[in-house]
Amino acid sequence: FTPHDVKDRDATEPNVLVDVTYKGKPSKLLLHADRNGFFYVLDRANGKLLLAKPFLRRVDWASGIGPDGRPIVTDAHGCPSDAANWDATTYSPETGLYYVMALEECVGKPTGYPDQTGQRFLRALNIETGDIVWEVPQPGPARAKTWTGVLATAGGLLFYGQPNGGFTAADQRTGKTLWRFPTNVRMKASPMTFALGGKQYIVVAAGPNILCFGL
């Protein structure tokens, strides 16, 4: 995604595989929100690039992505510092939206370090256009090591951890908070779900503890 990467924009972000009707055609897709600030949609059957668009408002190191998938590099290298990281992203067939915890932040000059003015956002992206459909600003320090994953469920819910230690359920269509549990620790983990005895549960690691909630 970032040839000759010397700015720590390694593509450690997870890939999401979805089988959907994409622009009127049944497709097997790979969705990827990269640390370089671009959201990619690829046809995973043949490797063709279908979409590459910034999912941040501040991306200056490249003016775009060419049809060959390679970035069109500029002389500016400040934005972003980190756009996304190792935490889970998710897609909902209920809404057709892709969800990612994004960091709007640039590298300060001349230090080369993040400028400390960043802001995290939970964002929902339209996978056909790459447009931001809605976003929820996150509380807490942006630079804290608190990348948290996002989980969509078939019940129309979106679960994620907030940087300030809140585990939250939101409406997939609007981002509206429906429920919140204060963990009082910095959230780093990605939530997961399982069913047992006909009941669904949500589990997440919070600090040294494993928290389990019944739906």
N, C-alpha and C. Protein backbone atom coordinates (compact mmCIF):
# COMPACT_ATOMS: atom_id res chain seq x y z
N PHE A 1 0.82 -1.21 0.00
CA PHE A 1 0.00 0.00 0.00
C PHE A 1 0.86 1.27 0.00
N THR A 2 2.01 1.21 0.67
CA THR A 2 2.90 2.38 0.75
C THR A 2 4.30 1.95 0.36
N PRO A 3 4.66 2.00 -0.93
CA PRO A 3 5.99 1.60 -1.36
C PRO A 3 7.08 2.47 -0.74
N HIS A 4 8.21 1.87 -0.45
CA HIS A 4 9.34 2.57 0.17
C HIS A 4 8.88 3.33 1.42
N ASP A 5 8.23 2.61 2.30
CA ASP A 5 7.68 3.21 3.51
C ASP A 5 8.79 3.54 4.50
N VAL A 6 9.00 4.82 4.76
CA VAL A 6 9.98 5.25 5.77
C VAL A 6 9.31 6.08 6.85
N LYS A 7 7.96 6.09 6.87
CA LYS A 7 7.21 6.91 7.82
C LYS A 7 6.36 6.07 8.76
N ASP A 8 6.69 4.80 8.91
CA ASP A 8 5.97 3.91 9.82
C ASP A 8 4.50 3.80 9.43
N ARG A 9 4.23 3.72 8.13
CA ARG A 9 2.86 3.53 7.66
C ARG A 9 2.68 2.09 7.18
N ASP A 10 3.16 1.15 8.01
CA ASP A 10 3.05 -0.26 7.66
C ASP A 10 1.58 -0.69 7.71
N ALA A 11 1.22 -1.57 6.78
CA ALA A 11 -0.19 -1.95 6.62
C ALA A 11 -0.55 -3.11 7.54
N THR A 12 -0.58 -2.85 8.84
CA THR A 12 -0.92 -3.90 9.81
C THR A 12 -2.42 -4.01 10.03
N GLU A 13 -3.21 -3.17 9.39
CA GLU A 13 -4.64 -3.15 9.62
C GLU A 13 -5.30 -4.41 9.05
N PRO A 14 -6.31 -4.94 9.75
CA PRO A 14 -6.95 -6.17 9.28
C PRO A 14 -7.76 -5.96 8.02
N ASN A 15 -7.80 -6.99 7.20
CA ASN A 15 -8.63 -6.97 6.00
C ASN A 15 -9.99 -7.57 6.32
N VAL A 16 -11.04 -7.04 5.72
CA VAL A 16 -12.40 -7.55 5.90
C VAL A 16 -12.88 -8.10 4.57
N LEU A 17 -13.31 -9.36 4.56
CA LEU A 17 -13.78 -10.02 3.35
C LEU A 17 -15.30 -10.05 3.35
N VAL A 18 -15.91 -9.55 2.27
CA VAL A 18 -17.37 -9.52 2.18
C VAL A 18 -17.82 -9.97 0.80
N ASP A 19 -18.95 -10.65 0.75
CA ASP A 19 -19.60 -11.03 -0.51
C ASP A 19 -20.88 -10.22 -0.61
N VAL A 20 -20.90 -9.26 -1.53
CA VAL A 20 -22.02 -8.33 -1.63
C VAL A 20 -22.30 -8.01 -3.10
N THR A 21 -23.42 -7.34 -3.33
CA THR A 21 -23.67 -6.74 -4.64
C THR A 21 -23.04 -5.35 -4.62
N TYR A 22 -22.00 -5.18 -5.43
CA TYR A 22 -21.23 -3.95 -5.43
C TYR A 22 -21.41 -3.24 -6.76
N LYS A 23 -22.03 -2.06 -6.69
CA LYS A 23 -22.33 -1.29 -7.90
C LYS A 23 -23.09 -2.13 -8.92
N GLY A 24 -24.07 -2.88 -8.40
CA GLY A 24 -24.96 -3.66 -9.23
C GLY A 24 -24.46 -5.03 -9.64
N LYS A 25 -23.27 -5.43 -9.15
CA LYS A 25 -22.68 -6.70 -9.58
C LYS A 25 -22.31 -7.54 -8.36
N PRO A 26 -22.72 -8.83 -8.32
CA PRO A 26 -22.29 -9.70 -7.22
C PRO A 26 -20.76 -9.76 -7.18
N SER A 27 -20.19 -9.47 -6.01
CA SER A 27 -18.73 -9.32 -5.92
C SER A 27 -18.18 -9.93 -4.63
N LYS A 28 -16.96 -10.41 -4.74
CA LYS A 28 -16.20 -10.86 -3.58
C LYS A 28 -15.13 -9.80 -3.31
N LEU A 29 -15.31 -9.06 -2.21
CA LEU A 29 -14.49 -7.88 -1.96
C LEU A 29 -13.54 -8.07 -0.79
N LEU A 30 -12.49 -7.25 -0.81
CA LEU A 30 -11.59 -7.08 0.32
C LEU A 30 -11.60 -5.60 0.68
N LEU A 31 -11.96 -5.29 1.94
CA LEU A 31 -12.02 -3.92 2.44
C LEU A 31 -10.86 -3.67 3.36
N HIS A 32 -10.21 -2.50 3.21
CA HIS A 32 -8.99 -2.24 3.98
C HIS A 32 -8.82 -0.74 4.21
N ALA A 33 -8.86 -0.32 5.47
CA ALA A 33 -8.56 1.07 5.84
C ALA A 33 -7.11 1.11 6.31
N ASP A 34 -6.25 1.70 5.51
CA ASP A 34 -4.81 1.59 5.73
C ASP A 34 -4.29 2.69 6.66
N ARG A 35 -3.15 2.39 7.25
CA ARG A 35 -2.46 3.36 8.11
C ARG A 35 -1.99 4.59 7.33
N ASN A 36 -1.96 4.48 6.02
CA ASN A 36 -1.53 5.62 5.20
C ASN A 36 -2.67 6.62 4.96
N GLY A 37 -3.88 6.33 5.47
CA GLY A 37 -4.99 7.27 5.36
C GLY A 37 -5.98 6.98 4.25
N PHE A 38 -5.73 5.94 3.43
CA PHE A 38 -6.62 5.62 2.32
C PHE A 38 -7.44 4.37 2.62
N PHE A 39 -8.70 4.42 2.19
CA PHE A 39 -9.61 3.28 2.28
C PHE A 39 -9.64 2.59 0.92
N TYR A 40 -9.39 1.28 0.90
CA TYR A 40 -9.30 0.51 -0.33
C TYR A 40 -10.43 -0.51 -0.42
N VAL A 41 -10.96 -0.67 -1.62
CA VAL A 41 -11.86 -1.77 -1.94
C VAL A 41 -11.25 -2.51 -3.12
N LEU A 42 -11.00 -3.81 -2.95
CA LEU A 42 -10.41 -4.61 -4.01
C LEU A 42 -11.32 -5.80 -4.31
N ASP A 43 -11.32 -6.21 -5.58
CA ASP A 43 -11.94 -7.46 -5.97
C ASP A 43 -10.97 -8.57 -5.59
N ARG A 44 -11.34 -9.35 -4.59
CA ARG A 44 -10.38 -10.35 -4.11
C ARG A 44 -10.30 -11.58 -5.02
N ALA A 45 -11.17 -11.64 -6.03
CA ALA A 45 -11.09 -12.75 -6.97
C ALA A 45 -10.01 -12.53 -8.02
N ASN A 46 -9.76 -11.25 -8.36
CA ASN A 46 -8.76 -10.99 -9.40
C ASN A 46 -7.74 -9.91 -9.01
N GLY A 47 -7.89 -9.33 -7.82
CA GLY A 47 -6.93 -8.33 -7.35
C GLY A 47 -7.16 -6.93 -7.88
N LYS A 48 -8.23 -6.72 -8.65
CA LYS A 48 -8.48 -5.40 -9.24
C LYS A 48 -8.85 -4.38 -8.18
N LEU A 49 -8.24 -3.18 -8.29
CA LEU A 49 -8.58 -2.08 -7.40
C LEU A 49 -9.88 -1.44 -7.85
N LEU A 50 -10.86 -1.41 -6.95
CA LEU A 50 -12.17 -0.85 -7.27
C LEU A 50 -12.36 0.55 -6.71
N LEU A 51 -11.71 0.83 -5.57
CA LEU A 51 -11.85 2.14 -4.94
C LEU A 51 -10.65 2.39 -4.04
N ALA A 52 -10.16 3.61 -4.05
CA ALA A 52 -9.12 4.05 -3.11
C ALA A 52 -9.37 5.52 -2.83
N LYS A 53 -9.75 5.81 -1.58
CA LYS A 53 -10.12 7.18 -1.22
C LYS A 53 -9.73 7.45 0.22
N PRO A 54 -9.28 8.67 0.54
CA PRO A 54 -8.94 8.98 1.94
C PRO A 54 -10.17 8.81 2.85
N PHE A 55 -9.95 8.20 4.01
CA PHE A 55 -11.02 8.17 5.02
C PHE A 55 -10.72 9.16 6.14
N LEU A 56 -9.70 9.99 5.91
CA LEU A 56 -9.38 11.11 6.79
C LEU A 56 -9.59 12.41 6.03
N ARG A 57 -9.74 13.49 6.76
CA ARG A 57 -9.87 14.80 6.12
C ARG A 57 -8.51 15.44 5.87
N ARG A 58 -7.46 14.90 6.54
CA ARG A 58 -6.12 15.46 6.36
C ARG A 58 -5.18 14.36 5.88
N VAL A 59 -4.98 14.30 4.58
CA VAL A 59 -4.01 13.39 3.97
C VAL A 59 -3.24 14.20 2.93
N ASP A 60 -1.93 14.37 3.14
CA ASP A 60 -1.18 15.20 2.19
C ASP A 60 0.03 14.51 1.58
N TRP A 61 0.41 13.34 2.07
CA TRP A 61 1.63 12.68 1.58
C TRP A 61 1.45 12.13 0.16
N ALA A 62 0.17 11.92 -0.23
CA ALA A 62 -0.15 11.47 -1.58
C ALA A 62 -1.40 12.20 -2.04
N SER A 63 -1.43 12.56 -3.31
CA SER A 63 -2.59 13.26 -3.84
C SER A 63 -3.70 12.32 -4.25
N GLY A 64 -3.40 11.05 -4.28
CA GLY A 64 -4.39 10.05 -4.65
C GLY A 64 -3.72 8.72 -4.90
N ILE A 65 -4.51 7.75 -5.34
CA ILE A 65 -4.01 6.42 -5.67
C ILE A 65 -4.27 6.18 -7.16
N GLY A 66 -3.23 5.79 -7.88
CA GLY A 66 -3.37 5.55 -9.31
C GLY A 66 -4.13 4.28 -9.60
N PRO A 67 -4.52 4.06 -10.87
CA PRO A 67 -5.27 2.85 -11.25
C PRO A 67 -4.50 1.56 -11.00
N ASP A 68 -3.16 1.68 -10.86
CA ASP A 68 -2.35 0.50 -10.56
C ASP A 68 -2.27 0.22 -9.06
N GLY A 69 -2.96 1.04 -8.25
CA GLY A 69 -2.95 0.84 -6.81
C GLY A 69 -1.82 1.52 -6.08
N ARG A 70 -0.93 2.17 -6.80
CA ARG A 70 0.21 2.81 -6.17
C ARG A 70 -0.09 4.29 -5.90
N PRO A 71 0.42 4.82 -4.78
CA PRO A 71 0.13 6.21 -4.42
C PRO A 71 0.83 7.20 -5.34
N ILE A 72 0.18 8.35 -5.52
CA ILE A 72 0.78 9.46 -6.26
C ILE A 72 1.40 10.37 -5.21
N VAL A 73 2.69 10.19 -4.97
CA VAL A 73 3.37 10.80 -3.82
C VAL A 73 3.63 12.28 -4.06
N THR A 74 3.48 13.09 -2.99
CA THR A 74 3.76 14.52 -3.04
C THR A 74 5.02 14.82 -2.24
N ASP A 75 5.38 16.08 -2.14
CA ASP A 75 6.53 16.49 -1.34
C ASP A 75 6.18 16.67 0.14
N ALA A 76 4.90 16.66 0.45
CA ALA A 76 4.47 16.81 1.85
C ALA A 76 4.40 15.44 2.50
N HIS A 77 4.76 15.37 3.77
CA HIS A 77 4.77 14.06 4.45
C HIS A 77 4.20 14.15 5.86
N GLY A 78 3.40 15.19 6.15
CA GLY A 78 2.96 15.38 7.53
C GLY A 78 1.71 14.63 7.93
N CYS A 79 0.81 14.39 6.99
CA CYS A 79 -0.49 13.82 7.35
C CYS A 79 -0.76 12.55 6.52
N PRO A 80 -1.16 11.47 7.19
CA PRO A 80 -1.40 11.36 8.64
C PRO A 80 -0.18 10.84 9.37
N SER A 81 -0.25 10.92 10.72
CA SER A 81 0.75 10.24 11.53
C SER A 81 0.36 8.76 11.63
N ASP A 82 -0.78 8.48 12.21
CA ASP A 82 -1.42 7.15 12.19
C ASP A 82 -2.86 7.40 11.81
N ALA A 83 -3.36 6.67 10.87
CA ALA A 83 -4.76 6.83 10.47
C ALA A 83 -5.63 5.75 11.11
N ALA A 84 -5.10 4.54 11.08
CA ALA A 84 -5.73 3.39 11.71
C ALA A 84 -4.60 2.49 12.19
N ASN A 85 -4.95 1.43 12.91
CA ASN A 85 -3.89 0.56 13.41
C ASN A 85 -4.36 -0.87 13.42
N TRP A 86 -3.84 -1.67 14.34
CA TRP A 86 -4.03 -3.12 14.29
C TRP A 86 -5.44 -3.56 14.70
N ASP A 87 -6.22 -2.68 15.27
CA ASP A 87 -7.52 -3.06 15.81
C ASP A 87 -8.51 -3.45 14.71
N ALA A 88 -9.52 -4.22 15.09
CA ALA A 88 -10.49 -4.74 14.13
C ALA A 88 -11.36 -3.64 13.55
N THR A 89 -11.65 -3.76 12.26
CA THR A 89 -12.70 -2.98 11.62
C THR A 89 -13.84 -3.94 11.30
N THR A 90 -14.96 -3.42 10.82
CA THR A 90 -16.10 -4.31 10.59
C THR A 90 -17.00 -3.78 9.49
N TYR A 91 -17.76 -4.69 8.90
CA TYR A 91 -18.74 -4.35 7.86
C TYR A 91 -20.09 -4.92 8.28
N SER A 92 -21.16 -4.19 8.01
CA SER A 92 -22.49 -4.67 8.33
C SER A 92 -23.31 -4.87 7.06
N PRO A 93 -23.75 -6.11 6.77
CA PRO A 93 -24.67 -6.33 5.65
C PRO A 93 -26.01 -5.65 5.87
N GLU A 94 -26.32 -5.32 7.13
CA GLU A 94 -27.60 -4.66 7.43
C GLU A 94 -27.63 -3.24 6.87
N THR A 95 -26.49 -2.56 6.90
CA THR A 95 -26.43 -1.16 6.46
C THR A 95 -25.61 -0.96 5.19
N GLY A 96 -24.76 -1.92 4.87
CA GLY A 96 -23.84 -1.75 3.74
C GLY A 96 -22.70 -0.81 4.06
N LEU A 97 -22.45 -0.55 5.35
CA LEU A 97 -21.42 0.37 5.78
C LEU A 97 -20.22 -0.36 6.40
N TYR A 98 -19.07 0.26 6.27
CA TYR A 98 -17.82 -0.24 6.85
C TYR A 98 -17.44 0.71 7.99
N TYR A 99 -17.01 0.15 9.12
CA TYR A 99 -16.77 0.95 10.32
C TYR A 99 -15.32 0.83 10.75
N VAL A 100 -14.73 1.98 11.11
CA VAL A 100 -13.32 2.02 11.49
C VAL A 100 -13.11 3.10 12.54
N MET A 101 -12.18 2.84 13.48
CA MET A 101 -11.77 3.88 14.42
C MET A 101 -10.59 4.61 13.79
N ALA A 102 -10.81 5.87 13.44
CA ALA A 102 -9.82 6.66 12.70
C ALA A 102 -9.19 7.72 13.58
N LEU A 103 -7.93 8.05 13.30
CA LEU A 103 -7.21 9.09 14.02
C LEU A 103 -6.84 10.21 13.06
N GLU A 104 -7.42 11.38 13.29
CA GLU A 104 -7.06 12.58 12.53
C GLU A 104 -5.90 13.26 13.25
N GLU A 105 -4.70 13.09 12.70
CA GLU A 105 -3.51 13.67 13.32
C GLU A 105 -2.38 13.74 12.31
N CYS A 106 -1.56 14.78 12.40
CA CYS A 106 -0.42 14.95 11.50
C CYS A 106 0.87 14.91 12.30
N VAL A 107 1.97 14.79 11.58
CA VAL A 107 3.29 14.81 12.20
C VAL A 107 3.77 16.24 12.30
N GLY A 108 4.21 16.64 13.50
CA GLY A 108 4.68 18.00 13.69
C GLY A 108 6.01 18.26 13.03
N LYS A 109 6.21 19.47 12.60
CA LYS A 109 7.48 19.85 11.97
C LYS A 109 8.17 20.88 12.85
N PRO A 110 9.49 20.82 13.03
CA PRO A 110 10.42 19.88 12.37
C PRO A 110 10.72 18.64 13.19
N THR A 111 9.95 18.35 14.24
CA THR A 111 10.30 17.26 15.16
C THR A 111 10.13 15.89 14.54
N GLY A 112 9.16 15.75 13.64
CA GLY A 112 8.88 14.45 13.08
C GLY A 112 7.97 13.61 13.96
N TYR A 113 7.59 14.14 15.11
CA TYR A 113 6.69 13.43 16.01
C TYR A 113 5.26 13.93 15.83
N PRO A 114 4.25 13.12 16.25
CA PRO A 114 2.86 13.59 16.15
C PRO A 114 2.67 14.93 16.84
N ASP A 115 1.77 15.75 16.26
CA ASP A 115 1.64 17.12 16.72
C ASP A 115 0.78 17.28 17.97
N GLN A 116 0.25 16.13 18.49
CA GLN A 116 -0.48 16.11 19.76
C GLN A 116 -1.83 16.82 19.70
N THR A 117 -2.29 17.18 18.53
CA THR A 117 -3.59 17.85 18.43
C THR A 117 -4.63 16.94 17.79
N GLY A 118 -4.35 15.66 17.77
CA GLY A 118 -5.22 14.73 17.06
C GLY A 118 -6.55 14.49 17.75
N GLN A 119 -7.45 13.88 16.97
CA GLN A 119 -8.78 13.51 17.47
C GLN A 119 -9.17 12.18 16.86
N ARG A 120 -9.68 11.29 17.70
CA ARG A 120 -10.18 10.00 17.20
C ARG A 120 -11.66 10.12 16.85
N PHE A 121 -12.04 9.37 15.80
CA PHE A 121 -13.43 9.34 15.36
C PHE A 121 -13.81 7.90 15.03
N LEU A 122 -14.98 7.49 15.48
CA LEU A 122 -15.60 6.29 14.94
C LEU A 122 -16.29 6.71 13.66
N ARG A 123 -15.92 6.09 12.53
CA ARG A 123 -16.46 6.51 11.25
C ARG A 123 -17.14 5.35 10.52
N ALA A 124 -18.23 5.68 9.83
CA ALA A 124 -18.94 4.75 8.98
C ALA A 124 -18.74 5.18 7.53
N LEU A 125 -18.25 4.27 6.69
CA LEU A 125 -17.93 4.59 5.30
C LEU A 125 -18.85 3.86 4.34
N ASN A 126 -19.26 4.55 3.29
CA ASN A 126 -19.96 3.94 2.18
C ASN A 126 -18.93 3.23 1.31
N ILE A 127 -19.04 1.91 1.13
CA ILE A 127 -17.98 1.17 0.44
C ILE A 127 -18.00 1.39 -1.07
N GLU A 128 -19.09 1.93 -1.62
CA GLU A 128 -19.13 2.19 -3.06
C GLU A 128 -18.52 3.54 -3.41
N THR A 129 -18.58 4.49 -2.48
CA THR A 129 -18.06 5.84 -2.76
C THR A 129 -16.87 6.22 -1.88
N GLY A 130 -16.72 5.55 -0.73
CA GLY A 130 -15.69 5.92 0.23
C GLY A 130 -16.07 7.11 1.09
N ASP A 131 -17.28 7.65 0.89
CA ASP A 131 -17.70 8.82 1.66
C ASP A 131 -17.95 8.47 3.13
N ILE A 132 -17.71 9.44 4.02
CA ILE A 132 -18.03 9.29 5.43
C ILE A 132 -19.52 9.55 5.59
N VAL A 133 -20.26 8.53 6.01
CA VAL A 133 -21.71 8.65 6.17
C VAL A 133 -22.05 9.30 7.50
N TRP A 134 -21.36 8.90 8.56
CA TRP A 134 -21.46 9.57 9.86
C TRP A 134 -20.19 9.33 10.64
N GLU A 135 -19.99 10.12 11.69
CA GLU A 135 -18.83 9.96 12.55
C GLU A 135 -19.19 10.36 13.97
N VAL A 136 -18.48 9.77 14.92
CA VAL A 136 -18.67 10.08 16.34
C VAL A 136 -17.32 10.45 16.93
N PRO A 137 -17.10 11.71 17.33
CA PRO A 137 -15.84 12.09 17.98
C PRO A 137 -15.68 11.32 19.28
N GLN A 138 -14.44 10.92 19.56
CA GLN A 138 -14.17 10.11 20.75
C GLN A 138 -13.50 10.94 21.84
N PRO A 139 -13.90 10.73 23.11
CA PRO A 139 -13.25 11.43 24.21
C PRO A 139 -11.92 10.79 24.55
N GLY A 140 -11.16 11.47 25.36
CA GLY A 140 -9.88 10.91 25.82
C GLY A 140 -8.72 11.36 24.96
N PRO A 141 -7.48 11.18 25.46
CA PRO A 141 -6.29 11.62 24.73
C PRO A 141 -6.08 10.83 23.46
N ALA A 142 -5.85 11.54 22.36
CA ALA A 142 -5.71 10.87 21.07
C ALA A 142 -4.47 10.00 21.01
N ARG A 143 -3.40 10.41 21.70
CA ARG A 143 -2.14 9.68 21.57
C ARG A 143 -2.00 8.53 22.56
N ALA A 144 -2.95 8.36 23.45
CA ALA A 144 -2.88 7.21 24.34
C ALA A 144 -2.93 5.93 23.51
N LYS A 145 -2.21 4.91 23.95
CA LYS A 145 -2.18 3.65 23.22
C LYS A 145 -3.50 2.92 23.42
N THR A 146 -4.53 3.41 22.79
CA THR A 146 -5.87 2.90 23.05
C THR A 146 -6.63 2.56 21.77
N TRP A 147 -5.94 2.05 20.77
CA TRP A 147 -6.66 1.63 19.57
C TRP A 147 -7.64 0.52 19.95
N THR A 148 -8.90 0.70 19.64
CA THR A 148 -9.91 -0.29 19.99
C THR A 148 -10.64 -0.75 18.75
N GLY A 149 -11.00 -2.02 18.73
CA GLY A 149 -11.67 -2.57 17.57
C GLY A 149 -13.17 -2.31 17.59
N VAL A 150 -13.78 -2.56 16.43
CA VAL A 150 -15.21 -2.33 16.23
C VAL A 150 -15.86 -3.64 15.79
N LEU A 151 -17.05 -3.91 16.31
CA LEU A 151 -17.78 -5.13 15.99
C LEU A 151 -19.23 -4.80 15.64
N ALA A 152 -19.69 -5.25 14.46
CA ALA A 152 -21.08 -5.10 14.06
C ALA A 152 -21.80 -6.42 14.27
N THR A 153 -23.04 -6.36 14.76
CA THR A 153 -23.84 -7.56 14.95
C THR A 153 -25.07 -7.51 14.06
N ALA A 154 -25.69 -8.68 13.85
CA ALA A 154 -26.85 -8.77 12.97
C ALA A 154 -28.07 -8.06 13.55
N GLY A 155 -28.01 -7.71 14.81
CA GLY A 155 -29.11 -7.00 15.44
C GLY A 155 -29.08 -5.50 15.25
N GLY A 156 -28.18 -5.02 14.39
CA GLY A 156 -28.10 -3.59 14.12
C GLY A 156 -27.28 -2.82 15.12
N LEU A 157 -26.47 -3.52 15.92
CA LEU A 157 -25.66 -2.87 16.94
C LEU A 157 -24.20 -2.79 16.50
N LEU A 158 -23.50 -1.83 17.06
CA LEU A 158 -22.08 -1.62 16.83
C LEU A 158 -21.42 -1.48 18.19
N PHE A 159 -20.46 -2.36 18.50
CA PHE A 159 -19.76 -2.33 19.78
C PHE A 159 -18.33 -1.85 19.58
N TYR A 160 -17.87 -0.99 20.48
CA TYR A 160 -16.49 -0.51 20.42
C TYR A 160 -16.07 0.03 21.77
N GLY A 161 -14.76 0.12 21.96
CA GLY A 161 -14.22 0.70 23.19
C GLY A 161 -13.78 2.13 22.95
N GLN A 162 -14.09 3.01 23.89
CA GLN A 162 -13.66 4.41 23.79
C GLN A 162 -12.29 4.58 24.43
N PRO A 163 -11.49 5.54 23.93
CA PRO A 163 -10.14 5.75 24.49
C PRO A 163 -10.13 6.06 25.98
N ASN A 164 -11.21 6.64 26.49
CA ASN A 164 -11.23 7.01 27.91
C ASN A 164 -11.77 5.90 28.80
N GLY A 165 -12.01 4.72 28.23
CA GLY A 165 -12.40 3.60 29.07
C GLY A 165 -13.87 3.27 29.10
N GLY A 166 -14.61 3.67 28.09
CA GLY A 166 -16.02 3.31 28.02
C GLY A 166 -16.26 2.26 26.95
N PHE A 167 -16.97 1.18 27.30
CA PHE A 167 -17.35 0.18 26.31
C PHE A 167 -18.76 0.50 25.87
N THR A 168 -18.97 0.64 24.56
CA THR A 168 -20.16 1.31 24.05
C THR A 168 -20.87 0.48 22.99
N ALA A 169 -22.20 0.54 23.01
CA ALA A 169 -23.03 0.00 21.93
C ALA A 169 -23.70 1.17 21.23
N ALA A 170 -23.67 1.15 19.90
CA ALA A 170 -24.24 2.24 19.11
C ALA A 170 -25.15 1.69 18.02
N ASP A 171 -25.97 2.56 17.47
CA ASP A 171 -26.82 2.23 16.34
C ASP A 171 -25.98 2.25 15.06
N GLN A 172 -26.00 1.15 14.32
CA GLN A 172 -25.18 1.06 13.11
C GLN A 172 -25.53 2.12 12.07
N ARG A 173 -26.79 2.55 12.01
CA ARG A 173 -27.21 3.45 10.96
C ARG A 173 -26.88 4.91 11.26
N THR A 174 -26.78 5.26 12.54
CA THR A 174 -26.61 6.66 12.91
C THR A 174 -25.39 6.93 13.79
N GLY A 175 -24.86 5.90 14.46
CA GLY A 175 -23.77 6.10 15.40
C GLY A 175 -24.24 6.52 16.79
N LYS A 176 -25.54 6.67 16.97
CA LYS A 176 -26.08 7.11 18.26
C LYS A 176 -25.76 6.09 19.35
N THR A 177 -25.25 6.58 20.48
CA THR A 177 -24.93 5.71 21.61
C THR A 177 -26.22 5.18 22.23
N LEU A 178 -26.28 3.86 22.40
CA LEU A 178 -27.45 3.22 22.98
C LEU A 178 -27.17 2.70 24.39
N TRP A 179 -25.90 2.43 24.68
CA TRP A 179 -25.53 1.83 25.97
C TRP A 179 -24.03 2.06 26.17
N ARG A 180 -23.65 2.24 27.43
CA ARG A 180 -22.22 2.44 27.72
C ARG A 180 -21.90 1.87 29.08
N PHE A 181 -20.77 1.16 29.16
CA PHE A 181 -20.29 0.60 30.43
C PHE A 181 -18.91 1.18 30.72
N PRO A 182 -18.75 1.88 31.86
CA PRO A 182 -17.44 2.46 32.19
C PRO A 182 -16.48 1.40 32.72
N THR A 183 -15.45 1.07 31.95
CA THR A 183 -14.47 0.08 32.40
C THR A 183 -13.40 0.69 33.30
N ASN A 184 -13.21 2.02 33.18
CA ASN A 184 -12.22 2.75 33.97
C ASN A 184 -10.79 2.34 33.67
N VAL A 185 -10.56 1.75 32.50
CA VAL A 185 -9.21 1.46 32.03
C VAL A 185 -9.14 1.85 30.55
N ARG A 186 -7.95 2.08 30.06
CA ARG A 186 -7.80 2.40 28.64
C ARG A 186 -8.14 1.17 27.81
N MET A 187 -9.01 1.36 26.84
CA MET A 187 -9.48 0.25 26.02
C MET A 187 -8.55 0.04 24.83
N LYS A 188 -8.08 -1.20 24.65
CA LYS A 188 -7.18 -1.53 23.55
C LYS A 188 -7.71 -2.67 22.69
N ALA A 189 -8.56 -3.50 23.24
CA ALA A 189 -8.91 -4.76 22.58
C ALA A 189 -10.10 -4.61 21.64
N SER A 190 -10.26 -5.61 20.79
CA SER A 190 -11.41 -5.70 19.90
C SER A 190 -12.46 -6.61 20.53
N PRO A 191 -13.72 -6.21 20.53
CA PRO A 191 -14.77 -7.08 21.08
C PRO A 191 -15.06 -8.24 20.15
N MET A 192 -15.64 -9.31 20.72
CA MET A 192 -16.09 -10.44 19.91
C MET A 192 -17.42 -10.92 20.47
N THR A 193 -18.10 -11.75 19.70
CA THR A 193 -19.41 -12.23 20.12
C THR A 193 -19.50 -13.73 19.93
N PHE A 194 -20.32 -14.38 20.78
CA PHE A 194 -20.57 -15.81 20.63
C PHE A 194 -21.96 -16.10 21.19
N ALA A 195 -22.48 -17.27 20.85
CA ALA A 195 -23.79 -17.69 21.35
C ALA A 195 -23.63 -18.99 22.12
N LEU A 196 -24.38 -19.11 23.21
CA LEU A 196 -24.35 -20.30 24.05
C LEU A 196 -25.74 -20.51 24.63
N GLY A 197 -26.28 -21.68 24.43
CA GLY A 197 -27.60 -21.98 24.98
C GLY A 197 -28.69 -21.08 24.45
N GLY A 198 -28.56 -20.63 23.19
CA GLY A 198 -29.57 -19.78 22.60
C GLY A 198 -29.48 -18.33 23.00
N LYS A 199 -28.43 -17.94 23.73
CA LYS A 199 -28.26 -16.56 24.16
C LYS A 199 -26.96 -16.00 23.59
N GLN A 200 -27.00 -14.75 23.14
CA GLN A 200 -25.81 -14.11 22.56
C GLN A 200 -25.08 -13.28 23.60
N TYR A 201 -23.75 -13.32 23.52
CA TYR A 201 -22.90 -12.60 24.46
C TYR A 201 -21.88 -11.76 23.70
N ILE A 202 -21.43 -10.69 24.34
CA ILE A 202 -20.36 -9.84 23.84
C ILE A 202 -19.23 -9.88 24.87
N VAL A 203 -18.00 -10.12 24.39
CA VAL A 203 -16.85 -10.23 25.28
C VAL A 203 -15.77 -9.26 24.82
N VAL A 204 -15.09 -8.62 25.79
CA VAL A 204 -13.99 -7.73 25.45
C VAL A 204 -12.98 -7.74 26.59
N ALA A 205 -11.71 -7.61 26.24
CA ALA A 205 -10.65 -7.47 27.25
C ALA A 205 -10.51 -6.00 27.61
N ALA A 206 -10.52 -5.71 28.90
CA ALA A 206 -10.37 -4.34 29.40
C ALA A 206 -9.32 -4.35 30.49
N GLY A 207 -8.11 -3.83 30.16
CA GLY A 207 -7.03 -3.91 31.13
C GLY A 207 -6.71 -5.36 31.42
N PRO A 208 -6.64 -5.77 32.71
CA PRO A 208 -6.33 -7.15 33.06
C PRO A 208 -7.57 -8.04 33.12
N ASN A 209 -8.73 -7.51 32.75
CA ASN A 209 -9.98 -8.24 32.95
C ASN A 209 -10.65 -8.61 31.62
N ILE A 210 -11.39 -9.70 31.64
CA ILE A 210 -12.27 -10.10 30.54
C ILE A 210 -13.70 -9.81 30.97
N LEU A 211 -14.38 -8.97 30.21
CA LEU A 211 -15.76 -8.59 30.53
C LEU A 211 -16.70 -9.27 29.55
N CYS A 212 -17.77 -9.86 30.07
CA CYS A 212 -18.75 -10.56 29.26
C CYS A 212 -20.13 -10.00 29.54
N PHE A 213 -20.85 -9.64 28.48
CA PHE A 213 -22.19 -9.06 28.60
C PHE A 213 -23.18 -9.89 27.81
N GLY A 214 -24.36 -10.11 28.38
CA GLY A 214 -25.43 -10.80 27.67
C GLY A 214 -26.33 -9.80 26.96
N LEU A 215 -26.70 -10.13 25.72
CA LEU A 215 -27.61 -9.26 24.98
C LEU A 215 -29.05 -9.57 25.37
